[in-house]
Amino acid sequence: MKIIKNIRKKKGFTQKALALKAGISRSYLCEIEQGYKQPSLATLSKIAMALGVSEATLLIKKKEAV
């Protein structure tokens, strides 16, 4: 989920720091960011809370400008 990586970088978190704050492993966060794994709703909620955004923010894909 590229959106997680983008928000994480904008907020100045390393993968390690975000993973620790969300209570997941850094390797799992990396797999989620790269699209290799799909997080459960509970995990997505933890990540959203750690980033200070809503779950919807992580789920809604922004339309690209045409």
PDB file of N, CA and C in Angstrom:
ATOM      1  N   MET A   1       0.850  -1.173   0.000  1.00  0.00           N
ATOM      2  CA  MET A   1       0.000   0.000   0.000  1.00  0.00           C
ATOM      3  C   MET A   1       0.898   1.240   0.000  1.00  0.00           C
ATOM      4  N   LYS A   2       1.062   1.762  -1.168  1.00  0.00           N
ATOM      5  CA  LYS A   2       1.950   2.902  -1.363  1.00  0.00           C
ATOM      6  C   LYS A   2       1.543   4.106  -0.517  1.00  0.00           C
ATOM      7  N   ILE A   3       0.252   4.245  -0.260  1.00  0.00           N
ATOM      8  CA  ILE A   3      -0.245   5.373   0.528  1.00  0.00           C
ATOM      9  C   ILE A   3       0.363   5.378   1.929  1.00  0.00           C
ATOM     10  N   ILE A   4       0.546   4.207   2.506  1.00  0.00           N
ATOM     11  CA  ILE A   4       1.138   4.122   3.845  1.00  0.00           C
ATOM     12  C   ILE A   4       2.565   4.651   3.808  1.00  0.00           C
ATOM     13  N   LYS A   5       3.318   4.223   2.811  1.00  0.00           N
ATOM     14  CA  LYS A   5       4.702   4.680   2.667  1.00  0.00           C
ATOM     15  C   LYS A   5       4.756   6.193   2.469  1.00  0.00           C
ATOM     16  N   ASN A   6       3.882   6.715   1.618  1.00  0.00           N
ATOM     17  CA  ASN A   6       3.868   8.158   1.353  1.00  0.00           C
ATOM     18  C   ASN A   6       3.564   8.959   2.615  1.00  0.00           C
ATOM     19  N   ILE A   7       2.548   8.540   3.350  1.00  0.00           N
ATOM     20  CA  ILE A   7       2.184   9.256   4.580  1.00  0.00           C
ATOM     21  C   ILE A   7       3.293   9.107   5.614  1.00  0.00           C
ATOM     22  N   ARG A   8       3.843   7.910   5.727  1.00  0.00           N
ATOM     23  CA  ARG A   8       4.930   7.664   6.690  1.00  0.00           C
ATOM     24  C   ARG A   8       6.096   8.615   6.433  1.00  0.00           C
ATOM     25  N   LYS A   9       6.483   8.732   5.174  1.00  0.00           N
ATOM     26  CA  LYS A   9       7.612   9.608   4.835  1.00  0.00           C
ATOM     27  C   LYS A   9       7.281  11.078   5.087  1.00  0.00           C
ATOM     28  N   LYS A  10       6.045  11.490   4.751  1.00  0.00           N
ATOM     29  CA  LYS A  10       5.638  12.881   4.989  1.00  0.00           C
ATOM     30  C   LYS A  10       5.668  13.224   6.471  1.00  0.00           C
ATOM     31  N   LYS A  11       5.349  12.242   7.307  1.00  0.00           N
ATOM     32  CA  LYS A  11       5.318  12.475   8.751  1.00  0.00           C
ATOM     33  C   LYS A  11       6.678  12.253   9.401  1.00  0.00           C
ATOM     34  N   GLY A  12       7.673  11.833   8.614  1.00  0.00           N
ATOM     35  CA  GLY A  12       9.031  11.686   9.124  1.00  0.00           C
ATOM     36  C   GLY A  12       9.309  10.412   9.905  1.00  0.00           C
ATOM     37  N   PHE A  13       8.479   9.391   9.716  1.00  0.00           N
ATOM     38  CA  PHE A  13       8.693   8.116  10.396  1.00  0.00           C
ATOM     39  C   PHE A  13       9.599   7.207   9.573  1.00  0.00           C
ATOM     40  N   THR A  14      10.456   6.470  10.239  1.00  0.00           N
ATOM     41  CA  THR A  14      11.152   5.367   9.586  1.00  0.00           C
ATOM     42  C   THR A  14      10.214   4.166   9.644  1.00  0.00           C
ATOM     43  N   GLN A  15      10.512   3.136   8.862  1.00  0.00           N
ATOM     44  CA  GLN A  15       9.695   1.919   8.946  1.00  0.00           C
ATOM     45  C   GLN A  15       9.758   1.348  10.355  1.00  0.00           C
ATOM     46  N   LYS A  16      10.938   1.352  10.937  1.00  0.00           N
ATOM     47  CA  LYS A  16      11.116   0.795  12.274  1.00  0.00           C
ATOM     48  C   LYS A  16      10.268   1.548  13.302  1.00  0.00           C
ATOM     49  N   ALA A  17      10.287   2.886  13.230  1.00  0.00           N
ATOM     50  CA  ALA A  17       9.535   3.699  14.191  1.00  0.00           C
ATOM     51  C   ALA A  17       8.028   3.496  14.042  1.00  0.00           C
ATOM     52  N   LEU A  18       7.548   3.472  12.800  1.00  0.00           N
ATOM     53  CA  LEU A  18       6.112   3.277  12.582  1.00  0.00           C
ATOM     54  C   LEU A  18       5.684   1.880  13.014  1.00  0.00           C
ATOM     55  N   ALA A  19       6.476   0.889  12.670  1.00  0.00           N
ATOM     56  CA  ALA A  19       6.148  -0.487  13.052  1.00  0.00           C
ATOM     57  C   ALA A  19       6.066  -0.618  14.573  1.00  0.00           C
ATOM     58  N   LEU A  20       7.019  -0.023  15.262  1.00  0.00           N
ATOM     59  CA  LEU A  20       7.027  -0.068  16.724  1.00  0.00           C
ATOM     60  C   LEU A  20       5.782   0.614  17.293  1.00  0.00           C
ATOM     61  N   LYS A  21       5.450   1.774  16.760  1.00  0.00           N
ATOM     62  CA  LYS A  21       4.277   2.522  17.232  1.00  0.00           C
ATOM     63  C   LYS A  21       2.973   1.777  16.936  1.00  0.00           C
ATOM     64  N   ALA A  22       2.937   1.057  15.805  1.00  0.00           N
ATOM     65  CA  ALA A  22       1.731   0.320  15.416  1.00  0.00           C
ATOM     66  C   ALA A  22       1.675  -1.083  16.029  1.00  0.00           C
ATOM     67  N   GLY A  23       2.781  -1.531  16.612  1.00  0.00           N
ATOM     68  CA  GLY A  23       2.805  -2.852  17.238  1.00  0.00           C
ATOM     69  C   GLY A  23       2.912  -4.001  16.250  1.00  0.00           C
ATOM     70  N   ILE A  24       3.591  -3.745  15.124  1.00  0.00           N
ATOM     71  CA  ILE A  24       3.821  -4.800  14.132  1.00  0.00           C
ATOM     72  C   ILE A  24       5.314  -4.856  13.827  1.00  0.00           C
ATOM     73  N   SER A  25       5.741  -5.896  13.131  1.00  0.00           N
ATOM     74  CA  SER A  25       7.165  -5.999  12.807  1.00  0.00           C
ATOM     75  C   SER A  25       7.515  -5.096  11.630  1.00  0.00           C
ATOM     76  N   ARG A  26       8.761  -4.661  11.593  1.00  0.00           N
ATOM     77  CA  ARG A  26       9.221  -3.817  10.501  1.00  0.00           C
ATOM     78  C   ARG A  26       9.143  -4.565   9.184  1.00  0.00           C
ATOM     79  N   SER A  27       9.468  -5.855   9.193  1.00  0.00           N
ATOM     80  CA  SER A  27       9.429  -6.630   7.951  1.00  0.00           C
ATOM     81  C   SER A  27       7.997  -6.757   7.420  1.00  0.00           C
ATOM     82  N   TYR A  28       7.025  -6.900   8.319  1.00  0.00           N
ATOM     83  CA  TYR A  28       5.623  -6.973   7.890  1.00  0.00           C
ATOM     84  C   TYR A  28       5.174  -5.635   7.309  1.00  0.00           C
ATOM     85  N   LEU A  29       5.554  -4.537   7.951  1.00  0.00           N
ATOM     86  CA  LEU A  29       5.225  -3.208   7.427  1.00  0.00           C
ATOM     87  C   LEU A  29       5.829  -3.028   6.038  1.00  0.00           C
ATOM     88  N   CYS A  30       7.051  -3.456   5.860  1.00  0.00           N
ATOM     89  CA  CYS A  30       7.718  -3.364   4.557  1.00  0.00           C
ATOM     90  C   CYS A  30       6.934  -4.139   3.500  1.00  0.00           C
ATOM     91  N   GLU A  31       6.491  -5.340   3.835  1.00  0.00           N
ATOM     92  CA  GLU A  31       5.714  -6.157   2.891  1.00  0.00           C
ATOM     93  C   GLU A  31       4.381  -5.490   2.546  1.00  0.00           C
ATOM     94  N   ILE A  32       3.763  -4.846   3.518  1.00  0.00           N
ATOM     95  CA  ILE A  32       2.505  -4.130   3.276  1.00  0.00           C
ATOM     96  C   ILE A  32       2.754  -2.949   2.340  1.00  0.00           C
ATOM     97  N   GLU A  33       3.789  -2.169   2.642  1.00  0.00           N
ATOM     98  CA  GLU A  33       4.097  -0.997   1.817  1.00  0.00           C
ATOM     99  C   GLU A  33       4.410  -1.376   0.372  1.00  0.00           C
ATOM    100  N   GLN A  34       5.067  -2.513   0.186  1.00  0.00           N
ATOM    101  CA  GLN A  34       5.450  -2.940  -1.160  1.00  0.00           C
ATOM    102  C   GLN A  34       4.339  -3.696  -1.883  1.00  0.00           C
ATOM    103  N   GLY A  35       3.236  -3.951  -1.181  1.00  0.00           N
ATOM    104  CA  GLY A  35       2.105  -4.618  -1.803  1.00  0.00           C
ATOM    105  C   GLY A  35       2.184  -6.133  -1.814  1.00  0.00           C
ATOM    106  N   TYR A  36       3.154  -6.698  -1.093  1.00  0.00           N
ATOM    107  CA  TYR A  36       3.276  -8.155  -1.033  1.00  0.00           C
ATOM    108  C   TYR A  36       2.262  -8.776  -0.084  1.00  0.00           C
ATOM    109  N   LYS A  37       1.842  -8.014   0.918  1.00  0.00           N
ATOM    110  CA  LYS A  37       0.861  -8.492   1.904  1.00  0.00           C
ATOM    111  C   LYS A  37      -0.268  -7.479   2.015  1.00  0.00           C
ATOM    112  N   GLN A  38      -1.462  -7.984   2.294  1.00  0.00           N
ATOM    113  CA  GLN A  38      -2.625  -7.139   2.556  1.00  0.00           C
ATOM    114  C   GLN A  38      -2.911  -7.219   4.055  1.00  0.00           C
ATOM    115  N   PRO A  39      -2.889  -6.094   4.748  1.00  0.00           N
ATOM    116  CA  PRO A  39      -3.115  -6.134   6.195  1.00  0.00           C
ATOM    117  C   PRO A  39      -4.577  -6.405   6.536  1.00  0.00           C
ATOM    118  N   SER A  40      -4.779  -7.005   7.697  1.00  0.00           N
ATOM    119  CA  SER A  40      -6.145  -7.173   8.193  1.00  0.00           C
ATOM    120  C   SER A  40      -6.678  -5.791   8.562  1.00  0.00           C
ATOM    121  N   LEU A  41      -7.974  -5.704   8.767  1.00  0.00           N
ATOM    122  CA  LEU A  41      -8.573  -4.429   9.154  1.00  0.00           C
ATOM    123  C   LEU A  41      -8.012  -3.963  10.498  1.00  0.00           C
ATOM    124  N   ALA A  42      -7.767  -4.910  11.401  1.00  0.00           N
ATOM    125  CA  ALA A  42      -7.209  -4.563  12.710  1.00  0.00           C
ATOM    126  C   ALA A  42      -5.809  -3.966  12.565  1.00  0.00           C
ATOM    127  N   THR A  43      -4.993  -4.563  11.704  1.00  0.00           N
ATOM    128  CA  THR A  43      -3.641  -4.057  11.479  1.00  0.00           C
ATOM    129  C   THR A  43      -3.685  -2.704  10.785  1.00  0.00           C
ATOM    130  N   LEU A  44      -4.566  -2.571   9.811  1.00  0.00           N
ATOM    131  CA  LEU A  44      -4.719  -1.300   9.109  1.00  0.00           C
ATOM    132  C   LEU A  44      -5.123  -0.201  10.099  1.00  0.00           C
ATOM    133  N   SER A  45      -5.987  -0.541  11.027  1.00  0.00           N
ATOM    134  CA  SER A  45      -6.422   0.405  12.051  1.00  0.00           C
ATOM    135  C   SER A  45      -5.251   0.831  12.935  1.00  0.00           C
ATOM    136  N   LYS A  46      -4.399  -0.114  13.310  1.00  0.00           N
ATOM    137  CA  LYS A  46      -3.217   0.196  14.124  1.00  0.00           C
ATOM    138  C   LYS A  46      -2.267   1.128  13.381  1.00  0.00           C
ATOM    139  N   ILE A  47      -2.066   0.855  12.097  1.00  0.00           N
ATOM    140  CA  ILE A  47      -1.178   1.693  11.286  1.00  0.00           C
ATOM    141  C   ILE A  47      -1.764   3.095  11.150  1.00  0.00           C
ATOM    142  N   ALA A  48      -3.064   3.167  10.878  1.00  0.00           N
ATOM    143  CA  ALA A  48      -3.728   4.467  10.741  1.00  0.00           C
ATOM    144  C   ALA A  48      -3.606   5.269  12.031  1.00  0.00           C
ATOM    145  N   MET A  49      -3.835   4.621  13.157  1.00  0.00           N
ATOM    146  CA  MET A  49      -3.748   5.299  14.441  1.00  0.00           C
ATOM    147  C   MET A  49      -2.323   5.798  14.686  1.00  0.00           C
ATOM    148  N   ALA A  50      -1.340   4.973  14.360  1.00  0.00           N
ATOM    149  CA  ALA A  50       0.060   5.360  14.545  1.00  0.00           C
ATOM    150  C   ALA A  50       0.439   6.544  13.657  1.00  0.00           C
ATOM    151  N   LEU A  51      -0.164   6.612  12.477  1.00  0.00           N
ATOM    152  CA  LEU A  51       0.112   7.711  11.546  1.00  0.00           C
ATOM    153  C   LEU A  51      -0.738   8.950  11.834  1.00  0.00           C
ATOM    154  N   GLY A  52      -1.772   8.781  12.651  1.00  0.00           N
ATOM    155  CA  GLY A  52      -2.655   9.902  12.961  1.00  0.00           C
ATOM    156  C   GLY A  52      -3.626  10.228  11.845  1.00  0.00           C
ATOM    157  N   VAL A  53      -4.033   9.193  11.098  1.00  0.00           N
ATOM    158  CA  VAL A  53      -5.004   9.372  10.013  1.00  0.00           C
ATOM    159  C   VAL A  53      -6.128   8.353  10.188  1.00  0.00           C
ATOM    160  N   SER A  54      -7.200   8.518   9.436  1.00  0.00           N
ATOM    161  CA  SER A  54      -8.307   7.558   9.506  1.00  0.00           C
ATOM    162  C   SER A  54      -8.004   6.343   8.634  1.00  0.00           C
ATOM    163  N   GLU A  55      -8.695   5.249   8.922  1.00  0.00           N
ATOM    164  CA  GLU A  55      -8.558   4.057   8.090  1.00  0.00           C
ATOM    165  C   GLU A  55      -8.975   4.369   6.656  1.00  0.00           C
ATOM    166  N   ALA A  56     -10.012   5.194   6.510  1.00  0.00           N
ATOM    167  CA  ALA A  56     -10.508   5.557   5.179  1.00  0.00           C
ATOM    168  C   ALA A  56      -9.421   6.228   4.349  1.00  0.00           C
ATOM    169  N   THR A  57      -8.598   7.037   4.994  1.00  0.00           N
ATOM    170  CA  THR A  57      -7.505   7.710   4.286  1.00  0.00           C
ATOM    171  C   THR A  57      -6.578   6.684   3.638  1.00  0.00           C
ATOM    172  N   LEU A  58      -6.365   5.570   4.316  1.00  0.00           N
ATOM    173  CA  LEU A  58      -5.468   4.539   3.788  1.00  0.00           C
ATOM    174  C   LEU A  58      -6.140   3.675   2.725  1.00  0.00           C
ATOM    175  N   LEU A  59      -7.469   3.639   2.736  1.00  0.00           N
ATOM    176  CA  LEU A  59      -8.198   2.769   1.813  1.00  0.00           C
ATOM    177  C   LEU A  59      -8.641   3.459   0.531  1.00  0.00           C
ATOM    178  N   ILE A  60      -8.863   4.764   0.594  1.00  0.00           N
ATOM    179  CA  ILE A  60      -9.373   5.484  -0.572  1.00  0.00           C
ATOM    180  C   ILE A  60      -8.234   5.808  -1.523  1.00  0.00           C
ATOM    181  N   LYS A  61      -8.392   5.370  -2.761  1.00  0.00           N
ATOM    182  CA  LYS A  61      -7.393   5.677  -3.779  1.00  0.00           C
ATOM    183  C   LYS A  61      -7.768   7.002  -4.423  1.00  0.00           C
ATOM    184  N   LYS A  62      -6.809   7.895  -4.457  1.00  0.00           N
ATOM    185  CA  LYS A  62      -7.063   9.193  -5.083  1.00  0.00           C
ATOM    186  C   LYS A  62      -7.044   9.033  -6.589  1.00  0.00           C
ATOM    187  N   LYS A  63      -7.978   9.702  -7.247  1.00  0.00           N
ATOM    188  CA  LYS A  63      -8.021   9.674  -8.707  1.00  0.00           C
ATOM    189  C   LYS A  63      -6.906  10.562  -9.241  1.00  0.00           C
ATOM    190  N   GLU A  64      -6.222  10.048 -10.243  1.00  0.00           N
ATOM    191  CA  GLU A  64      -5.163  10.835 -10.857  1.00  0.00           C
ATOM    192  C   GLU A  64      -5.773  11.885 -11.770  1.00  0.00           C
ATOM    193  N   ALA A  65      -5.123  13.019 -11.835  1.00  0.00           N
ATOM    194  CA  ALA A  65      -5.592  14.092 -12.721  1.00  0.00           C
ATOM    195  C   ALA A  65      -5.455  13.654 -14.166  1.00  0.00           C
ATOM    196  N   VAL A  66      -6.470  13.951 -14.947  1.00  0.00           N
ATOM    197  CA  VAL A  66      -6.467  13.546 -16.359  1.00  0.00           C
ATOM    198  C   VAL A  66      -5.926  14.668 -17.204  1.00  0.00           C
TER     199      VAL A  66
END
